[in-house]
C-alpha cells in the first residue's frame, strides 16, 4: 500500500521558556516541519507579519502578550484569521480553556505535552490549512476571471468593487447576518462572471440588443451559478448570482420569482446594481446624479420591480452623511 504524502508547513512556536522552545523545535523539525521560534507574544506577532506561517503553537503565559492575546489578534485580522492556533498551558482551570475558545483557538493542549497527541493535532490542522489555501486560490481565480470580464468594457470599470462595497453596506443597514454580508461582498465581485459565456459582439454592443441577443445575454446568471457551484464556500453566493436579475413583480429572469421568493441577498444586490448602472456613464446614457438615480429607481419601485423596503433603506443610506462612498462613481463615469 502506497504511503500518503507527508504534510509539511511552517510552524511558529512561541514560548518564553527556552527549554520548552527547544523541545518543540526538535520534535517538529524531526518530522520535517520548518519551525520558527519566538520568545514572547509580541515577537510572535512580528514574525507572523514578516513570514507566511501555516500553524502557531503558543504558550498561554508569556510576557508582553499572552497566548490568548496573540490568538485574539490573529483571529481578528482578515489576513491571518484562517491560520490555525494551538494553545499550550499547564493551567487546567475550565475558565482558561473557555478563554482560549473565546480567543478563537483551534486546539488546546495541556502540559506536559504528549508527543503523539501534539503531532496528531499538528498534522490534522495543517491538512485543514492546506484545504483552506486551495479554496482561497480557487476563489482568487474566480475573482480574477470576473475582473477580466469587467475589464473588457471601459464603461464598467470599478463596477465589481463598487457593488461589493455598496451591497455589504446595505446588508449591514438591513441587519443581515454576517455570513450573508460576506456573501454579498463576494457576489458583488463575481455576480456577472457568467458573461464569459456571452459573445463579445453582444456583450459590448453599443446599441439595443435584438430579442435573440437578449436571450443569450440572460443566460449569464445561470452560467455564473454553474461556474461557481463547485465552491462549497459560495453556498450563499450562488442564489445571488442566479437571481440578481429577478424583479419583485415576477417579470425578471431566469426563474420569474416574485417578492419574498427572491432571496433577500439577491434583492439587495439588484438594488445597488441598478444604482451603479444609473450613476455611471454607459454607451447609451450619461451618468445620473444621485438624486436623479434615486428618483428613477423610485418610479421603478412603483412599477413593482424592486423591493420597496430594501429600496427605502438604500435611499436612507444614499442620502445620509455617512454614505459618501455612494458618490464615488456618480455623475463622473468612473
C-alpha atoms as a PDB file:
ATOM      1  CA  UNK A   1       0.000   0.000   0.000  1.00  0.00           C
ATOM      2  CA  UNK A   2       1.381   3.396  -1.033  1.00  0.00           C
ATOM      3  CA  UNK A   3       2.002   5.785   1.859  1.00  0.00           C
ATOM      4  CA  UNK A   4       0.242   9.136   1.871  1.00  0.00           C
ATOM      5  CA  UNK A   5       2.197  12.259   1.064  1.00  0.00           C
ATOM      6  CA  UNK A   6       3.579  13.854   4.251  1.00  0.00           C
ATOM      7  CA  UNK A   7       2.042  17.118   5.377  1.00  0.00           C
ATOM      8  CA  UNK A   8       4.621  19.899   5.543  1.00  0.00           C
ATOM      9  CA  UNK A   9       4.438  23.521   6.556  1.00  0.00           C
ATOM     10  CA  UNK A  10       5.917  26.358   8.563  1.00  0.00           C
ATOM     11  CA  UNK A  11       5.112  26.315  12.278  1.00  0.00           C
ATOM     12  CA  UNK A  12       5.724  29.177  14.664  1.00  0.00           C
ATOM     13  CA  UNK A  13       6.420  28.166  18.269  1.00  0.00           C
ATOM     14  CA  UNK A  14       6.161  30.897  20.904  1.00  0.00           C
ATOM     15  CA  UNK A  15       7.212  30.235  24.499  1.00  0.00           C
ATOM     16  CA  UNK A  16       9.193  32.348  26.959  1.00  0.00           C
ATOM     17  CA  UNK A  17      10.924  29.248  28.342  1.00  0.00           C
ATOM     18  CA  UNK A  18      13.973  28.304  26.247  1.00  0.00           C
ATOM     19  CA  UNK A  19      13.768  24.629  27.239  1.00  0.00           C
ATOM     20  CA  UNK A  20      10.167  24.411  26.014  1.00  0.00           C
ATOM     21  CA  UNK A  21      11.032  26.106  22.715  1.00  0.00           C
ATOM     22  CA  UNK A  22      13.958  23.753  22.133  1.00  0.00           C
ATOM     23  CA  UNK A  23      11.851  20.696  22.918  1.00  0.00           C
ATOM     24  CA  UNK A  24       9.127  21.675  20.457  1.00  0.00           C
ATOM     25  CA  UNK A  25      11.714  22.729  17.870  1.00  0.00           C
ATOM     26  CA  UNK A  26      13.450  19.340  17.957  1.00  0.00           C
ATOM     27  CA  UNK A  27      10.175  17.411  17.981  1.00  0.00           C
ATOM     28  CA  UNK A  28       8.712  19.265  14.972  1.00  0.00           C
ATOM     29  CA  UNK A  29      11.849  19.569  12.836  1.00  0.00           C
ATOM     30  CA  UNK A  30      12.379  15.816  13.245  1.00  0.00           C
ATOM     31  CA  UNK A  31       9.017  15.397  11.475  1.00  0.00           C
ATOM     32  CA  UNK A  32      10.138  17.582   8.577  1.00  0.00           C
ATOM     33  CA  UNK A  33       8.408  20.820   9.538  1.00  0.00           C
ATOM     34  CA  UNK A  34      10.018  24.237   9.159  1.00  0.00           C
ATOM     35  CA  UNK A  35       9.974  25.803  12.638  1.00  0.00           C
ATOM     36  CA  UNK A  36      10.310  29.437  13.724  1.00  0.00           C
ATOM     37  CA  UNK A  37      10.782  30.146  17.444  1.00  0.00           C
ATOM     38  CA  UNK A  38       9.717  33.267  19.342  1.00  0.00           C
ATOM     39  CA  UNK A  39      10.420  34.128  22.972  1.00  0.00           C
ATOM     40  CA  UNK A  40       7.237  36.123  23.657  1.00  0.00           C
ATOM     41  CA  UNK A  41       3.874  37.100  22.220  1.00  0.00           C
ATOM     42  CA  UNK A  42       4.936  40.429  20.713  1.00  0.00           C
ATOM     43  CA  UNK A  43       7.823  38.762  18.882  1.00  0.00           C
ATOM     44  CA  UNK A  44       5.455  36.074  17.606  1.00  0.00           C
ATOM     45  CA  UNK A  45       3.129  38.667  16.091  1.00  0.00           C
ATOM     46  CA  UNK A  46       6.090  40.419  14.484  1.00  0.00           C
ATOM     47  CA  UNK A  47       7.256  37.119  12.963  1.00  0.00           C
ATOM     48  CA  UNK A  48       3.800  36.428  11.516  1.00  0.00           C
ATOM     49  CA  UNK A  49       3.849  39.845   9.831  1.00  0.00           C
ATOM     50  CA  UNK A  50       7.189  39.020   8.201  1.00  0.00           C
ATOM     51  CA  UNK A  51       6.777  35.333   7.321  1.00  0.00           C
ATOM     52  CA  UNK A  52       3.971  33.182   5.926  1.00  0.00           C
ATOM     53  CA  UNK A  53       3.059  30.787   8.756  1.00  0.00           C
ATOM     54  CA  UNK A  54       0.813  27.719   8.453  1.00  0.00           C
ATOM     55  CA  UNK A  55       0.308  26.997  12.167  1.00  0.00           C
ATOM     56  CA  UNK A  56       1.103  28.594  15.531  1.00  0.00           C
ATOM     57  CA  UNK A  57       1.772  26.818  18.819  1.00  0.00           C
ATOM     58  CA  UNK A  58       1.516  29.392  21.608  1.00  0.00           C
ATOM     59  CA  UNK A  59       2.265  29.155  25.293  1.00  0.00           C
ATOM     60  CA  UNK A  60      -0.527  30.865  27.210  1.00  0.00           C
ATOM     61  CA  UNK A  61       1.559  32.588  29.912  1.00  0.00           C
ATOM     62  CA  UNK A  62       4.074  34.802  28.075  1.00  0.00           C
ATOM     63  CA  UNK A  63       5.394  38.315  28.729  1.00  0.00           C
ATOM     64  CA  UNK A  64       4.277  41.356  26.693  1.00  0.00           C
ATOM     65  CA  UNK A  65       1.344  39.491  25.136  1.00  0.00           C
ATOM     66  CA  UNK A  66      -0.214  36.279  26.426  1.00  0.00           C
ATOM     67  CA  UNK A  67      -1.071  33.414  24.103  1.00  0.00           C
ATOM     68  CA  UNK A  68      -4.733  34.391  24.469  1.00  0.00           C
ATOM     69  CA  UNK A  69      -3.981  37.939  23.326  1.00  0.00           C
ATOM     70  CA  UNK A  70      -1.842  36.828  20.373  1.00  0.00           C
ATOM     71  CA  UNK A  71      -4.523  34.382  19.277  1.00  0.00           C
ATOM     72  CA  UNK A  72      -7.252  37.024  19.535  1.00  0.00           C
ATOM     73  CA  UNK A  73      -5.233  39.484  17.435  1.00  0.00           C
ATOM     74  CA  UNK A  74      -4.549  36.864  14.755  1.00  0.00           C
ATOM     75  CA  UNK A  75      -8.182  35.782  14.572  1.00  0.00           C
ATOM     76  CA  UNK A  76      -9.295  39.405  14.359  1.00  0.00           C
ATOM     77  CA  UNK A  77      -7.082  40.078  11.346  1.00  0.00           C
ATOM     78  CA  UNK A  78      -8.555  39.150   7.903  1.00  0.00           C
ATOM     79  CA  UNK A  79      -5.026  38.327   6.724  1.00  0.00           C
ATOM     80  CA  UNK A  80      -4.381  35.714   9.432  1.00  0.00           C
ATOM     81  CA  UNK A  81      -7.729  34.598  10.869  1.00  0.00           C
ATOM     82  CA  UNK A  82      -7.616  31.294   8.977  1.00  0.00           C
ATOM     83  CA  UNK A  83      -4.167  30.329  10.338  1.00  0.00           C
ATOM     84  CA  UNK A  84      -4.759  27.594  12.949  1.00  0.00           C
ATOM     85  CA  UNK A  85      -3.594  28.167  16.530  1.00  0.00           C
ATOM     86  CA  UNK A  86      -2.796  25.613  19.246  1.00  0.00           C
ATOM     87  CA  UNK A  87      -2.591  26.941  22.797  1.00  0.00           C
ATOM     88  CA  UNK A  88      -0.344  25.132  25.320  1.00  0.00           C
ATOM     89  CA  UNK A  89      -0.705  25.595  29.050  1.00  0.00           C
ATOM     90  CA  UNK A  90      -0.090  23.970  32.391  1.00  0.00           C
ATOM     91  CA  UNK A  91      -3.343  25.530  33.578  1.00  0.00           C
ATOM     92  CA  UNK A  92      -6.223  23.123  33.993  1.00  0.00           C
ATOM     93  CA  UNK A  93      -8.940  25.532  35.069  1.00  0.00           C
ATOM     94  CA  UNK A  94     -12.069  25.377  32.902  1.00  0.00           C
ATOM     95  CA  UNK A  95     -12.222  29.173  32.663  1.00  0.00           C
ATOM     96  CA  UNK A  96      -8.790  29.232  30.985  1.00  0.00           C
ATOM     97  CA  UNK A  97      -9.956  26.817  28.325  1.00  0.00           C
ATOM     98  CA  UNK A  98     -13.093  28.871  27.795  1.00  0.00           C
ATOM     99  CA  UNK A  99     -10.918  31.964  27.375  1.00  0.00           C
ATOM    100  CA  UNK A 100      -8.899  30.105  24.731  1.00  0.00           C
ATOM    101  CA  UNK A 101     -12.071  29.180  22.863  1.00  0.00           C
ATOM    102  CA  UNK A 102     -13.274  32.770  23.108  1.00  0.00           C
ATOM    103  CA  UNK A 103      -9.956  33.974  21.654  1.00  0.00           C
ATOM    104  CA  UNK A 104     -10.557  31.703  18.649  1.00  0.00           C
ATOM    105  CA  UNK A 105      -8.033  28.943  19.346  1.00  0.00           C
ATOM    106  CA  UNK A 106      -8.354  25.885  17.113  1.00  0.00           C
ATOM    107  CA  UNK A 107      -6.979  23.496  19.729  1.00  0.00           C
ATOM    108  CA  UNK A 108      -5.929  23.492  23.382  1.00  0.00           C
ATOM    109  CA  UNK A 109      -3.349  21.102  24.868  1.00  0.00           C
ATOM    110  CA  UNK A 110      -2.104  20.728  28.430  1.00  0.00           C
ATOM    111  CA  UNK A 111       1.470  20.411  29.637  1.00  0.00           C
ATOM    112  CA  UNK A 112       3.403  18.226  29.874  1.00  0.00           C
ATOM    113  CA  UNK A 113       2.986  17.820  26.125  1.00  0.00           C
ATOM    114  CA  UNK A 114       2.220  14.335  24.883  1.00  0.00           C
ATOM    115  CA  UNK A 115       4.361  13.923  21.761  1.00  0.00           C
ATOM    116  CA  UNK A 116       1.965  11.618  19.910  1.00  0.00           C
ATOM    117  CA  UNK A 117      -1.079  13.762  20.632  1.00  0.00           C
ATOM    118  CA  UNK A 118       0.655  17.011  19.649  1.00  0.00           C
ATOM    119  CA  UNK A 119       1.902  15.610  16.336  1.00  0.00           C
ATOM    120  CA  UNK A 120      -1.545  14.216  15.544  1.00  0.00           C
ATOM    121  CA  UNK A 121      -3.151  17.619  16.189  1.00  0.00           C
ATOM    122  CA  UNK A 122      -0.463  19.386  14.143  1.00  0.00           C
ATOM    123  CA  UNK A 123      -0.942  17.075  11.167  1.00  0.00           C
ATOM    124  CA  UNK A 124      -4.729  17.455  11.307  1.00  0.00           C
ATOM    125  CA  UNK A 125      -4.652  21.247  11.453  1.00  0.00           C
ATOM    126  CA  UNK A 126      -2.043  21.535   8.700  1.00  0.00           C
ATOM    127  CA  UNK A 127      -4.176  19.359   6.419  1.00  0.00           C
ATOM    128  CA  UNK A 128      -7.094  21.680   7.117  1.00  0.00           C
ATOM    129  CA  UNK A 129      -4.899  24.698   6.349  1.00  0.00           C
ATOM    130  CA  UNK A 130      -3.854  23.116   3.023  1.00  0.00           C
ATOM    131  CA  UNK A 131      -7.511  22.695   2.036  1.00  0.00           C
ATOM    132  CA  UNK A 132      -8.237  26.274   3.071  1.00  0.00           C
ATOM    133  CA  UNK A 133      -5.355  27.553   0.946  1.00  0.00           C
ATOM    134  CA  UNK A 134      -6.628  25.577  -2.047  1.00  0.00           C
ATOM    135  CA  UNK A 135     -10.065  27.107  -1.558  1.00  0.00           C
ATOM    136  CA  UNK A 136      -8.637  30.617  -1.348  1.00  0.00           C
ATOM    137  CA  UNK A 137      -6.698  30.040  -4.573  1.00  0.00           C
ATOM    138  CA  UNK A 138      -9.883  28.858  -6.307  1.00  0.00           C
ATOM    139  CA  UNK A 139     -11.745  31.949  -5.093  1.00  0.00           C
ATOM    140  CA  UNK A 140      -8.877  34.141  -6.268  1.00  0.00           C
ATOM    141  CA  UNK A 141      -9.086  32.633  -9.765  1.00  0.00           C
ATOM    142  CA  UNK A 142     -12.825  33.343  -9.873  1.00  0.00           C
ATOM    143  CA  UNK A 143     -12.344  36.936  -8.743  1.00  0.00           C
ATOM    144  CA  UNK A 144      -9.618  37.444 -11.352  1.00  0.00           C
ATOM    145  CA  UNK A 145     -11.875  35.982 -14.044  1.00  0.00           C
ATOM    146  CA  UNK A 146     -14.729  38.300 -13.025  1.00  0.00           C
ATOM    147  CA  UNK A 147     -12.452  41.352 -13.128  1.00  0.00           C
ATOM    148  CA  UNK A 148     -11.054  40.361 -16.530  1.00  0.00           C
ATOM    149  CA  UNK A 149     -14.616  40.209 -17.910  1.00  0.00           C
ATOM    150  CA  UNK A 150     -15.359  43.613 -16.411  1.00  0.00           C
ATOM    151  CA  UNK A 151     -12.126  44.941 -17.906  1.00  0.00           C
ATOM    152  CA  UNK A 152     -13.366  44.282 -21.440  1.00  0.00           C
ATOM    153  CA  UNK A 153     -15.805  47.171 -21.111  1.00  0.00           C
ATOM    154  CA  UNK A 154     -14.272  50.568 -20.164  1.00  0.00           C
ATOM    155  CA  UNK A 155     -17.730  51.769 -19.112  1.00  0.00           C
ATOM    156  CA  UNK A 156     -17.935  49.252 -16.253  1.00  0.00           C
ATOM    157  CA  UNK A 157     -14.506  49.925 -14.724  1.00  0.00           C
ATOM    158  CA  UNK A 158     -14.681  49.503 -10.938  1.00  0.00           C
ATOM    159  CA  UNK A 159     -18.235  48.131 -11.093  1.00  0.00           C
ATOM    160  CA  UNK A 160     -17.382  44.900  -9.209  1.00  0.00           C
ATOM    161  CA  UNK A 161     -15.621  46.676  -6.345  1.00  0.00           C
ATOM    162  CA  UNK A 162     -18.406  49.227  -6.003  1.00  0.00           C
ATOM    163  CA  UNK A 163     -21.100  46.557  -5.888  1.00  0.00           C
ATOM    164  CA  UNK A 164     -19.144  44.570  -3.306  1.00  0.00           C
ATOM    165  CA  UNK A 165     -18.862  47.688  -1.148  1.00  0.00           C
ATOM    166  CA  UNK A 166     -22.400  49.002  -1.688  1.00  0.00           C
ATOM    167  CA  UNK A 167     -24.149  45.671  -1.126  1.00  0.00           C
ATOM    168  CA  UNK A 168     -22.183  44.839   2.030  1.00  0.00           C
ATOM    169  CA  UNK A 169     -23.010  48.286   3.438  1.00  0.00           C
ATOM    170  CA  UNK A 170     -26.693  47.910   2.576  1.00  0.00           C
ATOM    171  CA  UNK A 171     -26.733  44.404   4.060  1.00  0.00           C
ATOM    172  CA  UNK A 172     -25.403  45.863   7.292  1.00  0.00           C
ATOM    173  CA  UNK A 173     -28.052  48.610   7.194  1.00  0.00           C
ATOM    174  CA  UNK A 174     -30.708  45.900   6.913  1.00  0.00           C
ATOM    175  CA  UNK A 175     -29.268  43.922   9.829  1.00  0.00           C
ATOM    176  CA  UNK A 176     -28.420  40.843   7.761  1.00  0.00           C
ATOM    177  CA  UNK A 177     -26.303  38.098   9.301  1.00  0.00           C
ATOM    178  CA  UNK A 178     -22.533  38.281   8.971  1.00  0.00           C
ATOM    179  CA  UNK A 179     -22.370  35.312   6.583  1.00  0.00           C
ATOM    180  CA  UNK A 180     -24.952  36.966   4.325  1.00  0.00           C
ATOM    181  CA  UNK A 181     -22.924  40.183   4.264  1.00  0.00           C
ATOM    182  CA  UNK A 182     -19.807  38.193   3.370  1.00  0.00           C
ATOM    183  CA  UNK A 183     -21.772  36.506   0.570  1.00  0.00           C
ATOM    184  CA  UNK A 184     -22.911  39.897  -0.708  1.00  0.00           C
ATOM    185  CA  UNK A 185     -19.336  41.166  -0.794  1.00  0.00           C
ATOM    186  CA  UNK A 186     -18.215  38.114  -2.780  1.00  0.00           C
ATOM    187  CA  UNK A 187     -21.229  38.260  -5.079  1.00  0.00           C
ATOM    188  CA  UNK A 188     -20.544  41.911  -5.798  1.00  0.00           C
ATOM    189  CA  UNK A 189     -17.315  40.820  -7.449  1.00  0.00           C
ATOM    190  CA  UNK A 190     -18.471  37.635  -9.229  1.00  0.00           C
ATOM    191  CA  UNK A 191     -22.178  38.281  -9.956  1.00  0.00           C
ATOM    192  CA  UNK A 192     -21.526  38.721 -13.693  1.00  0.00           C
ATOM    193  CA  UNK A 193     -18.836  36.047 -14.096  1.00  0.00           C
ATOM    194  CA  UNK A 194     -21.262  34.125 -16.317  1.00  0.00           C
ATOM    195  CA  UNK A 195     -20.810  36.775 -19.003  1.00  0.00           C
ATOM    196  CA  UNK A 196     -17.754  34.787 -20.024  1.00  0.00           C
ATOM    197  CA  UNK A 197     -20.304  32.699 -21.957  1.00  0.00           C
ATOM    198  CA  UNK A 198     -21.698  35.735 -23.809  1.00  0.00           C
ATOM    199  CA  UNK A 199     -20.026  36.640 -27.131  1.00  0.00           C
ATOM    200  CA  UNK A 200     -18.208  39.991 -27.113  1.00  0.00           C
ATOM    201  CA  UNK A 201     -20.322  41.128 -30.071  1.00  0.00           C
ATOM    202  CA  UNK A 202     -23.337  41.020 -27.747  1.00  0.00           C
ATOM    203  CA  UNK A 203     -21.616  41.960 -24.504  1.00  0.00           C
ATOM    204  CA  UNK A 204     -20.027  45.122 -25.961  1.00  0.00           C
ATOM    205  CA  UNK A 205     -22.747  46.083 -28.432  1.00  0.00           C
ATOM    206  CA  UNK A 206     -23.304  49.865 -28.143  1.00  0.00           C
ATOM    207  CA  UNK A 207     -26.906  49.773 -29.376  1.00  0.00           C
ATOM    208  CA  UNK A 208     -30.053  47.906 -28.292  1.00  0.00           C
ATOM    209  CA  UNK A 209     -29.939  44.114 -28.292  1.00  0.00           C
ATOM    210  CA  UNK A 210     -32.222  42.073 -30.513  1.00  0.00           C
ATOM    211  CA  UNK A 211     -34.640  39.568 -28.892  1.00  0.00           C
ATOM    212  CA  UNK A 212     -32.283  36.704 -29.793  1.00  0.00           C
ATOM    213  CA  UNK A 213     -29.314  38.573 -28.323  1.00  0.00           C
ATOM    214  CA  UNK A 214     -31.265  39.217 -25.125  1.00  0.00           C
ATOM    215  CA  UNK A 215     -31.989  35.508 -24.846  1.00  0.00           C
ATOM    216  CA  UNK A 216     -28.259  34.813 -24.914  1.00  0.00           C
ATOM    217  CA  UNK A 217     -27.442  37.670 -22.514  1.00  0.00           C
ATOM    218  CA  UNK A 218     -29.976  36.423 -19.974  1.00  0.00           C
ATOM    219  CA  UNK A 219     -28.170  33.106 -19.743  1.00  0.00           C
ATOM    220  CA  UNK A 220     -25.242  34.743 -17.922  1.00  0.00           C
ATOM    221  CA  UNK A 221     -26.781  34.435 -14.451  1.00  0.00           C
ATOM    222  CA  UNK A 222     -27.325  30.678 -14.866  1.00  0.00           C
ATOM    223  CA  UNK A 223     -23.845  30.228 -16.375  1.00  0.00           C
ATOM    224  CA  UNK A 224     -22.341  32.179 -13.470  1.00  0.00           C
ATOM    225  CA  UNK A 225     -24.099  29.978 -10.920  1.00  0.00           C
ATOM    226  CA  UNK A 226     -22.790  26.885 -12.714  1.00  0.00           C
ATOM    227  CA  UNK A 227     -19.209  28.212 -12.738  1.00  0.00           C
ATOM    228  CA  UNK A 228     -19.236  28.974  -9.006  1.00  0.00           C
ATOM    229  CA  UNK A 229     -21.237  25.918  -7.873  1.00  0.00           C
ATOM    230  CA  UNK A 230     -18.215  23.655  -7.113  1.00  0.00           C
ATOM    231  CA  UNK A 231     -17.050  26.027  -4.353  1.00  0.00           C
ATOM    232  CA  UNK A 232     -18.764  24.999  -1.124  1.00  0.00           C
ATOM    233  CA  UNK A 233     -17.830  28.333   0.437  1.00  0.00           C
ATOM    234  CA  UNK A 234     -20.046  30.007  -2.202  1.00  0.00           C
ATOM    235  CA  UNK A 235     -23.202  28.264  -0.949  1.00  0.00           C
ATOM    236  CA  UNK A 236     -24.781  31.616  -0.001  1.00  0.00           C
ATOM    237  CA  UNK A 237     -23.343  33.387  -3.056  1.00  0.00           C
ATOM    238  CA  UNK A 238     -24.984  31.126  -5.660  1.00  0.00           C
ATOM    239  CA  UNK A 239     -28.589  32.378  -5.128  1.00  0.00           C
ATOM    240  CA  UNK A 240     -27.367  35.969  -5.509  1.00  0.00           C
ATOM    241  CA  UNK A 241     -25.615  35.194  -8.790  1.00  0.00           C
ATOM    242  CA  UNK A 242     -28.617  33.338 -10.198  1.00  0.00           C
ATOM    243  CA  UNK A 243     -31.363  35.718  -9.062  1.00  0.00           C
ATOM    244  CA  UNK A 244     -29.900  39.239  -9.177  1.00  0.00           C
ATOM    245  CA  UNK A 245     -31.957  39.982 -12.325  1.00  0.00           C
ATOM    246  CA  UNK A 246     -35.300  38.854 -10.893  1.00  0.00           C
ATOM    247  CA  UNK A 247     -37.936  41.545 -10.328  1.00  0.00           C
ATOM    248  CA  UNK A 248     -40.304  41.947  -7.397  1.00  0.00           C
ATOM    249  CA  UNK A 249     -43.368  41.583  -9.671  1.00  0.00           C
ATOM    250  CA  UNK A 250     -42.080  38.330 -11.214  1.00  0.00           C
ATOM    251  CA  UNK A 251     -41.108  39.848 -14.576  1.00  0.00           C
ATOM    252  CA  UNK A 252     -37.370  39.226 -14.174  1.00  0.00           C
ATOM    253  CA  UNK A 253     -35.154  36.288 -15.079  1.00  0.00           C
ATOM    254  CA  UNK A 254     -34.083  33.468 -15.084  1.00  0.00           C
ATOM    255  CA  UNK A 255     -36.907  31.974 -12.960  1.00  0.00           C
ATOM    256  CA  UNK A 256     -39.544  34.707 -12.767  1.00  0.00           C
ATOM    257  CA  UNK A 257     -39.504  34.686  -8.958  1.00  0.00           C
ATOM    258  CA  UNK A 258     -41.755  37.126  -7.144  1.00  0.00           C
ATOM    259  CA  UNK A 259     -41.479  39.176  -3.949  1.00  0.00           C
ATOM    260  CA  UNK A 260     -40.104  37.263  -0.959  1.00  0.00           C
ATOM    261  CA  UNK A 261     -39.408  34.210  -3.102  1.00  0.00           C
ATOM    262  CA  UNK A 262     -36.418  36.155  -4.395  1.00  0.00           C
ATOM    263  CA  UNK A 263     -33.592  35.645  -1.860  1.00  0.00           C
ATOM    264  CA  UNK A 264     -33.148  38.779   0.241  1.00  0.00           C
ATOM    265  CA  UNK A 265     -29.452  38.965  -0.661  1.00  0.00           C
ATOM    266  CA  UNK A 266     -30.322  38.949  -4.369  1.00  0.00           C
ATOM    267  CA  UNK A 267     -32.838  41.756  -3.733  1.00  0.00           C
ATOM    268  CA  UNK A 268     -30.071  43.740  -2.057  1.00  0.00           C
ATOM    269  CA  UNK A 269     -27.580  43.268  -4.883  1.00  0.00           C
ATOM    270  CA  UNK A 270     -30.081  44.133  -7.624  1.00  0.00           C
ATOM    271  CA  UNK A 271     -30.827  47.477  -5.949  1.00  0.00           C
ATOM    272  CA  UNK A 272     -27.176  48.520  -5.845  1.00  0.00           C
ATOM    273  CA  UNK A 273     -26.565  47.065  -9.320  1.00  0.00           C
ATOM    274  CA  UNK A 274     -29.259  49.299 -10.794  1.00  0.00           C
ATOM    275  CA  UNK A 275     -27.974  52.286  -8.833  1.00  0.00           C
ATOM    276  CA  UNK A 276     -24.427  51.797 -10.111  1.00  0.00           C
ATOM    277  CA  UNK A 277     -25.621  51.411 -13.710  1.00  0.00           C
ATOM    278  CA  UNK A 278     -27.577  54.659 -13.422  1.00  0.00           C
ATOM    279  CA  UNK A 279     -24.799  56.693 -11.831  1.00  0.00           C
ATOM    280  CA  UNK A 280     -22.060  55.732 -14.311  1.00  0.00           C
ATOM    281  CA  UNK A 281     -21.631  56.604 -17.966  1.00  0.00           C
ATOM    282  CA  UNK A 282     -22.777  53.929 -20.390  1.00  0.00           C
ATOM    283  CA  UNK A 283     -22.745  53.977 -24.229  1.00  0.00           C
ATOM    284  CA  UNK A 284     -26.494  54.577 -24.254  1.00  0.00           C
ATOM    285  CA  UNK A 285     -26.762  57.176 -21.439  1.00  0.00           C
ATOM    286  CA  UNK A 286     -24.915  59.786 -19.386  1.00  0.00           C
ATOM    287  CA  UNK A 287     -24.193  59.332 -15.684  1.00  0.00           C
ATOM    288  CA  UNK A 288     -27.147  60.288 -13.493  1.00  0.00           C
ATOM    289  CA  UNK A 289     -26.735  62.348 -10.345  1.00  0.00           C
ATOM    290  CA  UNK A 290     -27.541  60.596  -7.071  1.00  0.00           C
ATOM    291  CA  UNK A 291     -30.845  62.480  -6.852  1.00  0.00           C
ATOM    292  CA  UNK A 292     -31.891  61.599 -10.412  1.00  0.00           C
ATOM    293  CA  UNK A 293     -30.838  57.959  -9.951  1.00  0.00           C
ATOM    294  CA  UNK A 294     -32.900  57.606  -6.776  1.00  0.00           C
ATOM    295  CA  UNK A 295     -35.900  59.267  -8.410  1.00  0.00           C
ATOM    296  CA  UNK A 296     -35.677  56.880 -11.368  1.00  0.00           C
ATOM    297  CA  UNK A 297     -35.444  53.895  -9.023  1.00  0.00           C
ATOM    298  CA  UNK A 298     -38.417  55.186  -7.009  1.00  0.00           C
ATOM    299  CA  UNK A 299     -40.507  55.126 -10.203  1.00  0.00           C
ATOM    300  CA  UNK A 300     -39.308  51.568 -10.861  1.00  0.00           C
ATOM    301  CA  UNK A 301     -40.329  50.558  -7.331  1.00  0.00           C
ATOM    302  CA  UNK A 302     -43.786  51.955  -8.083  1.00  0.00           C
ATOM    303  CA  UNK A 303     -43.862  49.740 -11.193  1.00  0.00           C
ATOM    304  CA  UNK A 304     -43.253  46.734  -8.935  1.00  0.00           C
ATOM    305  CA  UNK A 305     -39.676  45.998  -9.995  1.00  0.00           C
ATOM    306  CA  UNK A 306     -37.748  46.314  -6.716  1.00  0.00           C
ATOM    307  CA  UNK A 307     -38.364  45.511  -3.057  1.00  0.00           C
ATOM    308  CA  UNK A 308     -39.814  48.748  -1.599  1.00  0.00           C
ATOM    309  CA  UNK A 309     -38.475  48.147   1.922  1.00  0.00           C
ATOM    310  CA  UNK A 310     -34.931  47.479   0.738  1.00  0.00           C
ATOM    311  CA  UNK A 311     -35.078  50.485  -1.578  1.00  0.00           C
ATOM    312  CA  UNK A 312     -36.236  52.700   1.318  1.00  0.00           C
ATOM    313  CA  UNK A 313     -33.248  51.551   3.374  1.00  0.00           C
ATOM    314  CA  UNK A 314     -30.931  52.127   0.427  1.00  0.00           C
ATOM    315  CA  UNK A 315     -32.320  55.618  -0.131  1.00  0.00           C
ATOM    316  CA  UNK A 316     -31.724  56.460   3.537  1.00  0.00           C
ATOM    317  CA  UNK A 317     -28.168  55.208   3.190  1.00  0.00           C
ATOM    318  CA  UNK A 318     -27.598  57.135  -0.034  1.00  0.00           C
ATOM    319  CA  UNK A 319     -28.904  60.379   1.432  1.00  0.00           C
ATOM    320  CA  UNK A 320     -27.139  60.044   4.801  1.00  0.00           C
ATOM    321  CA  UNK A 321     -23.952  61.927   5.522  1.00  0.00           C
ATOM    322  CA  UNK A 322     -22.157  58.629   6.223  1.00  0.00           C
ATOM    323  CA  UNK A 323     -22.722  57.275   2.723  1.00  0.00           C
ATOM    324  CA  UNK A 324     -20.230  59.401   0.792  1.00  0.00           C
ATOM    325  CA  UNK A 325     -18.898  56.247  -0.824  1.00  0.00           C
ATOM    326  CA  UNK A 326     -22.093  56.079  -2.907  1.00  0.00           C
ATOM    327  CA  UNK A 327     -20.952  59.143  -4.846  1.00  0.00           C
ATOM    328  CA  UNK A 328     -17.657  57.568  -5.984  1.00  0.00           C
ATOM    329  CA  UNK A 329     -18.951  56.850  -9.463  1.00  0.00           C
ATOM    330  CA  UNK A 330     -21.944  59.143  -9.583  1.00  0.00           C
ATOM    331  CA  UNK A 331     -22.040  61.613 -12.448  1.00  0.00           C
ATOM    332  CA  UNK A 332     -18.355  61.076 -13.166  1.00  0.00           C
ATOM    333  CA  UNK A 333     -18.324  57.895 -15.238  1.00  0.00           C
ATOM    334  CA  UNK A 334     -15.577  56.373 -13.098  1.00  0.00           C
END
